[in-house]
Structures are given as C-alpha cells and as structure tokens.
N, C-alpha and C. Protein backbone atom coordinates (compact mmCIF):
# COMPACT_ATOMS: atom_id res chain seq x y z
N MET A 1 -14.03 2.19 -23.81
CA MET A 1 -13.14 2.12 -22.65
C MET A 1 -13.69 3.02 -21.56
N PRO A 2 -13.92 2.46 -20.37
CA PRO A 2 -14.44 3.27 -19.27
C PRO A 2 -13.47 4.38 -18.86
N GLN A 3 -14.03 5.46 -18.41
CA GLN A 3 -13.22 6.61 -17.99
C GLN A 3 -12.58 6.35 -16.64
N THR A 4 -11.32 6.74 -16.50
CA THR A 4 -10.58 6.58 -15.25
C THR A 4 -11.08 7.60 -14.23
N ILE A 5 -11.46 7.10 -13.06
CA ILE A 5 -11.94 7.97 -11.98
C ILE A 5 -10.79 8.34 -11.04
N ASP A 6 -9.91 7.37 -10.78
CA ASP A 6 -8.78 7.60 -9.88
C ASP A 6 -7.62 6.73 -10.35
N ARG A 7 -6.43 7.26 -10.24
CA ARG A 7 -5.21 6.51 -10.59
C ARG A 7 -4.16 6.88 -9.54
N PHE A 8 -3.58 5.87 -8.90
CA PHE A 8 -2.63 6.16 -7.83
C PHE A 8 -1.65 5.01 -7.67
N ARG A 9 -0.60 5.28 -6.90
CA ARG A 9 0.40 4.30 -6.49
C ARG A 9 0.53 4.39 -4.98
N SER A 10 1.12 3.35 -4.40
CA SER A 10 1.51 3.46 -3.00
C SER A 10 2.53 4.59 -2.91
N SER A 11 2.46 5.37 -1.86
CA SER A 11 3.26 6.58 -1.76
C SER A 11 4.55 6.34 -0.97
N THR A 12 5.68 6.56 -1.61
CA THR A 12 6.97 6.44 -0.92
C THR A 12 7.13 7.58 0.08
N LEU A 13 6.76 8.79 -0.32
CA LEU A 13 6.83 9.93 0.60
C LEU A 13 5.88 9.72 1.77
N GLY A 14 4.68 9.22 1.48
CA GLY A 14 3.74 8.90 2.55
C GLY A 14 4.29 7.86 3.50
N TRP A 15 4.97 6.84 2.94
CA TRP A 15 5.60 5.80 3.76
C TRP A 15 6.66 6.42 4.67
N LEU A 16 7.44 7.36 4.14
CA LEU A 16 8.48 8.00 4.95
C LEU A 16 7.90 8.78 6.12
N ARG A 17 6.85 9.55 5.85
CA ARG A 17 6.31 10.42 6.91
C ARG A 17 5.19 9.77 7.70
N GLY A 18 4.66 8.64 7.22
CA GLY A 18 3.48 8.07 7.87
C GLY A 18 3.65 6.70 8.47
N THR A 19 4.88 6.19 8.54
CA THR A 19 5.10 4.88 9.17
C THR A 19 6.34 4.95 10.07
N LEU A 20 6.37 4.07 11.03
CA LEU A 20 7.55 4.00 11.90
C LEU A 20 8.77 3.54 11.12
N ALA A 21 8.57 2.65 10.14
CA ALA A 21 9.70 2.21 9.31
C ALA A 21 10.25 3.38 8.50
N GLY A 22 9.38 4.24 8.01
CA GLY A 22 9.82 5.43 7.28
C GLY A 22 10.58 6.39 8.18
N TRP A 23 10.05 6.61 9.39
CA TRP A 23 10.75 7.47 10.34
C TRP A 23 12.11 6.89 10.68
N GLY A 24 12.17 5.57 10.85
CA GLY A 24 13.45 4.92 11.14
C GLY A 24 14.44 5.10 10.01
N THR A 25 13.96 5.04 8.77
CA THR A 25 14.83 5.25 7.61
C THR A 25 15.37 6.68 7.58
N ILE A 26 14.50 7.64 7.90
CA ILE A 26 14.93 9.04 7.95
C ILE A 26 15.99 9.23 9.03
N LEU A 27 15.75 8.65 10.20
CA LEU A 27 16.73 8.75 11.29
C LEU A 27 18.04 8.07 10.94
N LEU A 28 17.96 6.93 10.26
CA LEU A 28 19.17 6.22 9.83
C LEU A 28 19.98 7.08 8.85
N ALA A 29 19.28 7.70 7.91
CA ALA A 29 19.97 8.57 6.95
C ALA A 29 20.58 9.79 7.65
N ALA A 30 19.82 10.39 8.55
CA ALA A 30 20.33 11.56 9.27
C ALA A 30 21.55 11.20 10.11
N ALA A 31 21.48 10.06 10.81
CA ALA A 31 22.63 9.62 11.62
C ALA A 31 23.84 9.36 10.73
N GLY A 32 23.61 8.75 9.58
CA GLY A 32 24.72 8.48 8.66
C GLY A 32 25.34 9.74 8.10
N LEU A 33 24.50 10.71 7.73
CA LEU A 33 25.00 11.96 7.15
C LEU A 33 25.73 12.80 8.20
N ILE A 34 25.09 12.99 9.34
CA ILE A 34 25.71 13.80 10.40
C ILE A 34 26.97 13.13 10.93
N GLY A 35 26.89 11.81 11.12
CA GLY A 35 28.05 11.07 11.59
C GLY A 35 29.21 11.11 10.61
N SER A 36 28.91 11.06 9.31
CA SER A 36 29.97 11.12 8.29
C SER A 36 30.66 12.48 8.31
N ILE A 37 29.86 13.54 8.43
CA ILE A 37 30.43 14.88 8.49
C ILE A 37 31.29 15.03 9.75
N TRP A 38 30.78 14.54 10.86
CA TRP A 38 31.52 14.61 12.13
C TRP A 38 32.81 13.81 12.05
N ALA A 39 32.73 12.60 11.47
CA ALA A 39 33.91 11.73 11.38
C ALA A 39 34.98 12.36 10.49
N LEU A 40 34.57 13.03 9.42
CA LEU A 40 35.54 13.67 8.53
C LEU A 40 36.20 14.89 9.19
N ALA A 41 35.47 15.52 10.12
CA ALA A 41 36.01 16.70 10.80
C ALA A 41 37.01 16.32 11.88
N GLN A 42 37.00 15.08 12.32
CA GLN A 42 37.93 14.63 13.36
C GLN A 42 39.33 14.44 12.78
N ARG A 43 40.29 14.86 13.51
CA ARG A 43 41.68 14.64 13.11
C ARG A 43 42.42 13.96 14.24
N PRO A 44 42.94 12.84 14.09
CA PRO A 44 42.88 11.97 12.92
C PRO A 44 41.50 11.31 12.82
N VAL A 45 41.18 10.79 11.64
CA VAL A 45 39.89 10.13 11.41
C VAL A 45 39.87 8.85 12.24
N GLY A 46 38.75 8.66 12.99
CA GLY A 46 38.64 7.52 13.90
C GLY A 46 38.47 6.19 13.18
N VAL A 47 38.66 5.14 13.94
CA VAL A 47 38.53 3.78 13.42
C VAL A 47 37.10 3.49 12.96
N TRP A 48 36.12 4.07 13.65
CA TRP A 48 34.71 3.81 13.34
C TRP A 48 34.15 4.73 12.26
N ALA A 49 34.98 5.50 11.61
CA ALA A 49 34.51 6.48 10.61
C ALA A 49 33.78 5.81 9.44
N TRP A 50 34.12 4.58 9.14
CA TRP A 50 33.47 3.86 8.03
C TRP A 50 32.02 3.50 8.34
N LEU A 51 31.64 3.45 9.62
CA LEU A 51 30.30 3.05 10.02
C LEU A 51 29.24 4.06 9.56
N PHE A 52 29.53 5.34 9.67
CA PHE A 52 28.53 6.37 9.35
C PHE A 52 28.14 6.39 7.87
N PRO A 53 29.10 6.35 6.94
CA PRO A 53 28.69 6.26 5.53
C PRO A 53 27.90 4.98 5.24
N LEU A 54 28.22 3.91 5.95
CA LEU A 54 27.49 2.65 5.78
C LEU A 54 26.02 2.82 6.19
N LEU A 55 25.77 3.56 7.28
CA LEU A 55 24.39 3.84 7.71
C LEU A 55 23.64 4.64 6.64
N LEU A 56 24.31 5.62 6.07
CA LEU A 56 23.69 6.44 5.02
C LEU A 56 23.37 5.60 3.79
N VAL A 57 24.29 4.75 3.39
CA VAL A 57 24.07 3.88 2.22
C VAL A 57 22.92 2.91 2.49
N ALA A 58 22.84 2.37 3.71
CA ALA A 58 21.75 1.46 4.07
C ALA A 58 20.39 2.16 3.98
N ALA A 59 20.33 3.39 4.49
CA ALA A 59 19.08 4.15 4.43
C ALA A 59 18.69 4.45 2.99
N LEU A 60 19.65 4.84 2.18
CA LEU A 60 19.35 5.13 0.77
C LEU A 60 18.94 3.86 0.02
N ALA A 61 19.54 2.71 0.37
CA ALA A 61 19.15 1.44 -0.26
C ALA A 61 17.71 1.07 0.11
N LEU A 62 17.34 1.27 1.38
CA LEU A 62 15.96 1.03 1.81
C LEU A 62 14.98 1.92 1.05
N LEU A 63 15.32 3.18 0.95
CA LEU A 63 14.46 4.14 0.26
C LEU A 63 14.32 3.80 -1.22
N LEU A 64 15.42 3.45 -1.87
CA LEU A 64 15.39 3.08 -3.29
C LEU A 64 14.56 1.82 -3.51
N THR A 65 14.71 0.83 -2.63
CA THR A 65 13.94 -0.41 -2.74
C THR A 65 12.45 -0.13 -2.62
N LYS A 66 12.06 0.67 -1.64
CA LYS A 66 10.65 1.01 -1.45
C LYS A 66 10.11 1.79 -2.64
N TRP A 67 10.89 2.73 -3.14
CA TRP A 67 10.47 3.55 -4.27
C TRP A 67 10.25 2.69 -5.51
N LEU A 68 11.18 1.77 -5.79
CA LEU A 68 11.04 0.89 -6.96
C LEU A 68 9.82 -0.02 -6.82
N ALA A 69 9.59 -0.54 -5.62
CA ALA A 69 8.41 -1.39 -5.39
C ALA A 69 7.13 -0.59 -5.63
N ASN A 70 7.08 0.64 -5.17
CA ASN A 70 5.89 1.48 -5.38
C ASN A 70 5.75 1.89 -6.84
N LEU A 71 6.86 2.11 -7.51
CA LEU A 71 6.84 2.48 -8.92
C LEU A 71 6.32 1.34 -9.79
N ALA A 72 6.50 0.11 -9.34
CA ALA A 72 6.16 -1.07 -10.14
C ALA A 72 4.67 -1.36 -10.22
N THR A 73 3.86 -0.79 -9.34
CA THR A 73 2.42 -1.08 -9.37
C THR A 73 1.62 0.21 -9.34
N THR A 74 0.71 0.32 -10.31
CA THR A 74 -0.21 1.45 -10.38
C THR A 74 -1.63 0.91 -10.31
N TYR A 75 -2.48 1.57 -9.55
CA TYR A 75 -3.87 1.17 -9.39
C TYR A 75 -4.74 2.20 -10.11
N GLU A 76 -5.64 1.70 -10.94
CA GLU A 76 -6.54 2.56 -11.69
C GLU A 76 -7.97 2.14 -11.37
N VAL A 77 -8.82 3.10 -11.03
CA VAL A 77 -10.20 2.81 -10.69
C VAL A 77 -11.09 3.44 -11.75
N THR A 78 -11.95 2.61 -12.36
CA THR A 78 -12.94 3.12 -13.30
C THR A 78 -14.31 2.89 -12.68
N GLU A 79 -15.38 3.22 -13.41
CA GLU A 79 -16.71 3.04 -12.82
C GLU A 79 -17.11 1.58 -12.68
N ASP A 80 -16.40 0.64 -13.33
CA ASP A 80 -16.79 -0.76 -13.21
C ASP A 80 -15.67 -1.73 -12.85
N ARG A 81 -14.45 -1.24 -12.66
CA ARG A 81 -13.36 -2.17 -12.28
C ARG A 81 -12.19 -1.44 -11.65
N ILE A 82 -11.35 -2.26 -10.99
CA ILE A 82 -10.05 -1.82 -10.49
C ILE A 82 -9.03 -2.50 -11.38
N ILE A 83 -8.13 -1.73 -11.94
CA ILE A 83 -7.13 -2.26 -12.86
C ILE A 83 -5.76 -2.11 -12.20
N LEU A 84 -5.01 -3.22 -12.13
CA LEU A 84 -3.67 -3.22 -11.54
C LEU A 84 -2.66 -3.32 -12.67
N HIS A 85 -1.82 -2.32 -12.77
CA HIS A 85 -0.72 -2.32 -13.73
C HIS A 85 0.53 -2.65 -12.93
N ARG A 86 1.12 -3.83 -13.20
CA ARG A 86 2.29 -4.27 -12.43
C ARG A 86 3.50 -4.42 -13.33
N GLY A 87 4.67 -4.13 -12.76
CA GLY A 87 5.93 -4.37 -13.45
C GLY A 87 6.57 -3.11 -13.99
N ILE A 88 7.88 -3.20 -14.15
CA ILE A 88 8.65 -2.12 -14.76
C ILE A 88 9.19 -2.61 -16.09
N VAL A 89 9.91 -3.71 -16.07
CA VAL A 89 10.46 -4.29 -17.30
C VAL A 89 9.46 -5.25 -17.92
N ARG A 90 8.95 -6.18 -17.13
CA ARG A 90 7.95 -7.13 -17.58
C ARG A 90 6.62 -6.71 -16.98
N LYS A 91 5.70 -6.24 -17.78
CA LYS A 91 4.45 -5.67 -17.29
C LYS A 91 3.31 -6.68 -17.38
N SER A 92 2.35 -6.52 -16.45
CA SER A 92 1.11 -7.29 -16.51
C SER A 92 -0.03 -6.38 -16.07
N ILE A 93 -1.21 -6.71 -16.56
CA ILE A 93 -2.41 -5.95 -16.20
C ILE A 93 -3.44 -6.94 -15.68
N ASP A 94 -3.99 -6.67 -14.51
CA ASP A 94 -5.00 -7.52 -13.90
C ASP A 94 -6.18 -6.64 -13.52
N GLU A 95 -7.38 -7.22 -13.51
CA GLU A 95 -8.57 -6.43 -13.22
C GLU A 95 -9.44 -7.13 -12.19
N ILE A 96 -10.13 -6.33 -11.40
CA ILE A 96 -11.15 -6.83 -10.49
C ILE A 96 -12.44 -6.09 -10.85
N GLU A 97 -13.46 -6.84 -11.22
CA GLU A 97 -14.76 -6.24 -11.51
C GLU A 97 -15.36 -5.74 -10.20
N LEU A 98 -15.81 -4.50 -10.18
CA LEU A 98 -16.30 -3.91 -8.93
C LEU A 98 -17.53 -4.61 -8.38
N TYR A 99 -18.38 -5.17 -9.24
CA TYR A 99 -19.57 -5.83 -8.73
C TYR A 99 -19.22 -7.11 -7.96
N ARG A 100 -17.98 -7.61 -8.12
CA ARG A 100 -17.53 -8.81 -7.41
C ARG A 100 -16.88 -8.50 -6.06
N VAL A 101 -16.67 -7.24 -5.75
CA VAL A 101 -16.01 -6.87 -4.48
C VAL A 101 -16.95 -7.19 -3.33
N LYS A 102 -16.41 -7.94 -2.36
CA LYS A 102 -17.19 -8.34 -1.18
C LYS A 102 -16.97 -7.40 0.00
N ASP A 103 -15.73 -6.94 0.15
CA ASP A 103 -15.41 -6.13 1.31
C ASP A 103 -14.25 -5.19 0.99
N VAL A 104 -14.33 -3.98 1.49
CA VAL A 104 -13.25 -3.01 1.38
C VAL A 104 -12.90 -2.60 2.81
N ARG A 105 -11.69 -2.90 3.21
CA ARG A 105 -11.25 -2.65 4.58
C ARG A 105 -10.10 -1.65 4.57
N ILE A 106 -10.01 -0.86 5.63
CA ILE A 106 -8.89 0.07 5.77
C ILE A 106 -8.25 -0.15 7.14
N ASP A 107 -6.95 -0.22 7.15
CA ASP A 107 -6.18 -0.36 8.39
C ASP A 107 -5.17 0.78 8.46
N PHE A 108 -5.00 1.32 9.67
CA PHE A 108 -4.00 2.35 9.85
C PHE A 108 -3.61 2.46 11.32
N SER A 109 -2.35 2.78 11.53
CA SER A 109 -1.84 2.97 12.89
C SER A 109 -2.04 4.43 13.29
N ILE A 110 -1.64 4.76 14.48
CA ILE A 110 -1.74 6.14 14.94
C ILE A 110 -0.88 7.05 14.06
N VAL A 111 0.31 6.58 13.73
CA VAL A 111 1.21 7.37 12.87
C VAL A 111 0.59 7.54 11.49
N ASN A 112 -0.03 6.47 10.95
CA ASN A 112 -0.69 6.56 9.65
C ASN A 112 -1.81 7.59 9.68
N GLN A 113 -2.57 7.62 10.77
CA GLN A 113 -3.68 8.56 10.87
C GLN A 113 -3.20 10.01 10.82
N LEU A 114 -2.07 10.28 11.45
CA LEU A 114 -1.51 11.63 11.42
C LEU A 114 -1.16 12.05 10.01
N ALA A 115 -0.72 11.11 9.18
CA ALA A 115 -0.29 11.41 7.81
C ALA A 115 -1.40 11.17 6.79
N ASP A 116 -2.62 10.81 7.24
CA ASP A 116 -3.73 10.46 6.35
C ASP A 116 -3.30 9.40 5.34
N LEU A 117 -2.71 8.35 5.88
CA LEU A 117 -2.18 7.25 5.10
C LEU A 117 -2.82 5.98 5.62
N GLY A 118 -3.07 5.01 4.75
CA GLY A 118 -3.68 3.77 5.21
C GLY A 118 -3.39 2.62 4.29
N THR A 119 -3.80 1.44 4.71
CA THR A 119 -3.69 0.23 3.91
C THR A 119 -5.10 -0.22 3.58
N ILE A 120 -5.41 -0.32 2.30
CA ILE A 120 -6.73 -0.74 1.84
C ILE A 120 -6.64 -2.21 1.44
N SER A 121 -7.56 -3.02 1.96
CA SER A 121 -7.64 -4.44 1.61
C SER A 121 -8.97 -4.67 0.90
N ILE A 122 -8.91 -5.34 -0.24
CA ILE A 122 -10.11 -5.59 -1.04
C ILE A 122 -10.30 -7.09 -1.19
N ALA A 123 -11.41 -7.60 -0.67
CA ALA A 123 -11.76 -9.01 -0.83
C ALA A 123 -12.85 -9.09 -1.89
N SER A 124 -12.71 -10.04 -2.80
CA SER A 124 -13.71 -10.18 -3.86
C SER A 124 -13.83 -11.64 -4.27
N SER A 125 -14.81 -11.93 -5.11
CA SER A 125 -14.97 -13.27 -5.67
C SER A 125 -14.21 -13.40 -6.98
N ASP A 126 -13.41 -12.41 -7.32
CA ASP A 126 -12.63 -12.41 -8.55
C ASP A 126 -11.39 -13.29 -8.37
N GLU A 127 -10.89 -13.87 -9.45
CA GLU A 127 -9.70 -14.72 -9.40
C GLU A 127 -8.47 -13.98 -8.87
N THR A 128 -8.41 -12.69 -9.06
CA THR A 128 -7.27 -11.90 -8.59
C THR A 128 -7.08 -12.03 -7.09
N THR A 129 -8.18 -12.16 -6.36
CA THR A 129 -8.09 -12.24 -4.90
C THR A 129 -8.38 -13.65 -4.39
N ARG A 130 -8.19 -14.65 -5.23
CA ARG A 130 -8.44 -16.05 -4.84
C ARG A 130 -7.58 -16.47 -3.65
N ASP A 131 -6.30 -16.07 -3.64
CA ASP A 131 -5.38 -16.48 -2.59
C ASP A 131 -5.39 -15.56 -1.37
N GLY A 132 -6.17 -14.53 -1.41
CA GLY A 132 -6.24 -13.57 -0.30
C GLY A 132 -6.61 -12.21 -0.84
N PRO A 133 -6.96 -11.31 0.04
CA PRO A 133 -7.38 -9.98 -0.42
C PRO A 133 -6.25 -9.22 -1.11
N LEU A 134 -6.63 -8.32 -1.99
CA LEU A 134 -5.68 -7.40 -2.60
C LEU A 134 -5.35 -6.35 -1.55
N VAL A 135 -4.09 -6.24 -1.18
CA VAL A 135 -3.67 -5.29 -0.15
C VAL A 135 -2.88 -4.18 -0.82
N ILE A 136 -3.37 -2.95 -0.64
CA ILE A 136 -2.72 -1.78 -1.19
C ILE A 136 -2.20 -0.96 -0.01
N ALA A 137 -0.90 -1.00 0.20
CA ALA A 137 -0.30 -0.33 1.36
C ALA A 137 0.07 1.11 1.03
N ASP A 138 0.19 1.92 2.06
CA ASP A 138 0.69 3.30 1.95
C ASP A 138 -0.11 4.14 0.96
N VAL A 139 -1.43 4.12 1.12
CA VAL A 139 -2.33 4.87 0.23
C VAL A 139 -2.62 6.22 0.86
N GLU A 140 -2.30 7.28 0.15
CA GLU A 140 -2.63 8.62 0.62
C GLU A 140 -4.13 8.85 0.44
N ARG A 141 -4.73 9.61 1.35
CA ARG A 141 -6.17 9.87 1.34
C ARG A 141 -6.95 8.55 1.33
N ALA A 142 -6.51 7.60 2.16
CA ALA A 142 -7.08 6.25 2.14
C ALA A 142 -8.56 6.23 2.52
N ARG A 143 -8.96 7.03 3.49
CA ARG A 143 -10.38 7.04 3.89
C ARG A 143 -11.26 7.50 2.74
N ALA A 144 -10.87 8.59 2.09
CA ALA A 144 -11.66 9.12 0.97
C ALA A 144 -11.69 8.13 -0.19
N ARG A 145 -10.55 7.49 -0.47
CA ARG A 145 -10.50 6.51 -1.57
C ARG A 145 -11.37 5.29 -1.24
N ARG A 146 -11.37 4.86 0.00
CA ARG A 146 -12.21 3.73 0.40
C ARG A 146 -13.68 4.06 0.21
N GLU A 147 -14.11 5.23 0.66
CA GLU A 147 -15.51 5.62 0.51
C GLU A 147 -15.90 5.73 -0.97
N GLN A 148 -15.02 6.29 -1.77
CA GLN A 148 -15.27 6.38 -3.21
C GLN A 148 -15.41 4.98 -3.81
N LEU A 149 -14.55 4.07 -3.40
CA LEU A 149 -14.59 2.70 -3.90
C LEU A 149 -15.89 2.00 -3.48
N ARG A 150 -16.32 2.19 -2.25
CA ARG A 150 -17.59 1.59 -1.79
C ARG A 150 -18.76 2.11 -2.61
N ASP A 151 -18.79 3.40 -2.89
CA ASP A 151 -19.86 3.97 -3.71
C ASP A 151 -19.84 3.38 -5.12
N LEU A 152 -18.65 3.23 -5.69
CA LEU A 152 -18.53 2.66 -7.03
C LEU A 152 -18.96 1.20 -7.05
N VAL A 153 -18.64 0.44 -6.00
CA VAL A 153 -19.06 -0.96 -5.90
C VAL A 153 -20.58 -1.04 -5.88
N ASN A 154 -21.21 -0.23 -5.05
CA ASN A 154 -22.68 -0.23 -4.97
C ASN A 154 -23.32 0.15 -6.29
N THR A 155 -22.75 1.14 -6.97
CA THR A 155 -23.29 1.55 -8.27
C THR A 155 -23.11 0.44 -9.31
N ALA A 156 -21.95 -0.21 -9.32
CA ALA A 156 -21.70 -1.31 -10.27
C ALA A 156 -22.67 -2.46 -10.03
N ARG A 157 -22.94 -2.77 -8.77
CA ARG A 157 -23.90 -3.84 -8.46
C ARG A 157 -25.30 -3.47 -8.92
N ARG A 158 -25.70 -2.23 -8.66
CA ARG A 158 -27.02 -1.76 -9.09
C ARG A 158 -27.16 -1.83 -10.61
N ASN A 159 -26.12 -1.36 -11.32
CA ASN A 159 -26.17 -1.36 -12.79
C ASN A 159 -26.25 -2.76 -13.37
N ARG A 160 -25.65 -3.74 -12.72
CA ARG A 160 -25.66 -5.12 -13.20
C ARG A 160 -26.79 -5.95 -12.61
N GLY A 161 -27.51 -5.39 -11.65
CA GLY A 161 -28.59 -6.12 -10.99
C GLY A 161 -28.06 -7.23 -10.10
N VAL A 162 -26.89 -7.04 -9.51
CA VAL A 162 -26.27 -8.05 -8.65
C VAL A 162 -26.60 -7.73 -7.20
N ARG A 163 -26.96 -8.80 -6.45
CA ARG A 163 -27.22 -8.66 -5.02
C ARG A 163 -26.30 -9.58 -4.25
N GLU A 164 -25.87 -9.14 -3.10
CA GLU A 164 -25.01 -9.92 -2.22
C GLU A 164 -25.90 -10.67 -1.24
N ILE A 165 -25.73 -11.99 -1.17
CA ILE A 165 -26.50 -12.80 -0.23
C ILE A 165 -25.51 -13.54 0.67
N ASP A 166 -25.66 -13.37 1.98
CA ASP A 166 -24.82 -14.08 2.94
C ASP A 166 -25.56 -15.33 3.39
N MET A 167 -24.89 -16.47 3.30
CA MET A 167 -25.48 -17.74 3.71
C MET A 167 -24.93 -18.08 5.10
N VAL A 168 -25.81 -18.15 6.08
CA VAL A 168 -25.41 -18.45 7.45
C VAL A 168 -26.23 -19.64 7.92
N HIS A 169 -25.54 -20.65 8.46
CA HIS A 169 -26.22 -21.82 9.01
C HIS A 169 -26.19 -21.72 10.53
N GLU A 170 -27.26 -21.21 11.11
CA GLU A 170 -27.31 -21.05 12.55
C GLU A 170 -27.67 -22.36 13.25
N ASP A 171 -28.23 -23.33 12.53
CA ASP A 171 -28.67 -24.57 13.14
C ASP A 171 -27.57 -25.62 13.24
N LEU A 172 -26.36 -25.34 12.73
CA LEU A 172 -25.30 -26.33 12.74
C LEU A 172 -24.71 -26.54 14.12
N GLY A 173 -24.59 -25.52 14.91
CA GLY A 173 -24.06 -25.64 16.26
C GLY A 173 -22.64 -26.20 16.28
N ASP A 174 -22.29 -26.88 17.36
CA ASP A 174 -20.95 -27.46 17.52
C ASP A 174 -20.92 -28.83 16.85
N LEU A 175 -20.04 -29.00 15.88
CA LEU A 175 -19.97 -30.24 15.11
C LEU A 175 -18.88 -31.18 15.60
N THR A 176 -18.21 -30.88 16.69
CA THR A 176 -17.14 -31.74 17.18
C THR A 176 -17.75 -32.97 17.85
N PRO A 177 -17.19 -34.18 17.57
CA PRO A 177 -17.77 -35.41 18.15
C PRO A 177 -17.44 -35.57 19.62
C-alpha cells in the first residue's frame, strides 16, 4: 500500500472566511443573534421579533449543510494516485492514477487569495473524470497542494515511462461549408 503524502477535506472554516457566501453566512448569523437579543429586550416584544431567530436558524442550517458536505468527502494523495473517500452512511472509494492526470488547474477570487483558499480542478483520462474534471472546492493551501500534485504527476509519469502527446491538426482550417 502506497504511503499517504497528503490527506485533506474541503474546509468549512476556510469557506466561512474565504468566500463571499461564507461572509454572508456570518453576517446572517450575526444579524439573527443581535436582532434576537434586541427583540427580546424590547417591551413589549415587536411583531417582527420572530424574524431574527429565523435568520439565525437559516445561517446555522447553511453552515451545517456545508459542514456535512465537506465531511462526506476526503481526498488522499499518494505517490501514484488520488483517492476519493465519499459518503458518511454509504461510502465509496474512487481513484485517479496520477500518470493519467492531464491538467491541474487552480481558481480563486480576491477573497480566496486573502484566505489562501482555492478550487483545484483535475482533468484526466481516468474514468472518474469522464463527465468533467474533478473539482475540489475550498482547499486550504491550494497553491502549495497544486504544486505538490504537479510534481507527483511528473514523477508518476517518469516512473511508468508515460509521455503526454498533444495531437493538433493545423491543416484542417475552417470546415464550415
């Protein structure tokens, strides 16, 4: 069994501090909490007093949903594959051989950059990514993880003697009739 080099999940805390949706959830929770305290301090309690606890419950529901989604998938990187552990009750394990990885992309907004958070997309010739790239959102230390993954892909290709060849047809031109 290959040794695990890195094991991580999408970060709920990173999502909170590194995305606009996370900031919005924090603001929603704060408005709900402060508003609930204010509404309870009013005598008599206003007609809209029920709105503030509802805001707090909505924010907590969003946070719980995101946390459970992040808890359900773990990514493990070894020297020759990426292993996806999915599920809480019903589990599945899927693998991508590193020598089959075609591209590793990282996307991040300005807010993500401040929090060193990013979204890593992995395109490969593996069946796991047949319908589209594997997208790993809210990854802490995304730049460092991407570079580590690129190095591991190159090493896996070297060890297997695999070379990437791009086929480009420059002579086709415009094929419209």
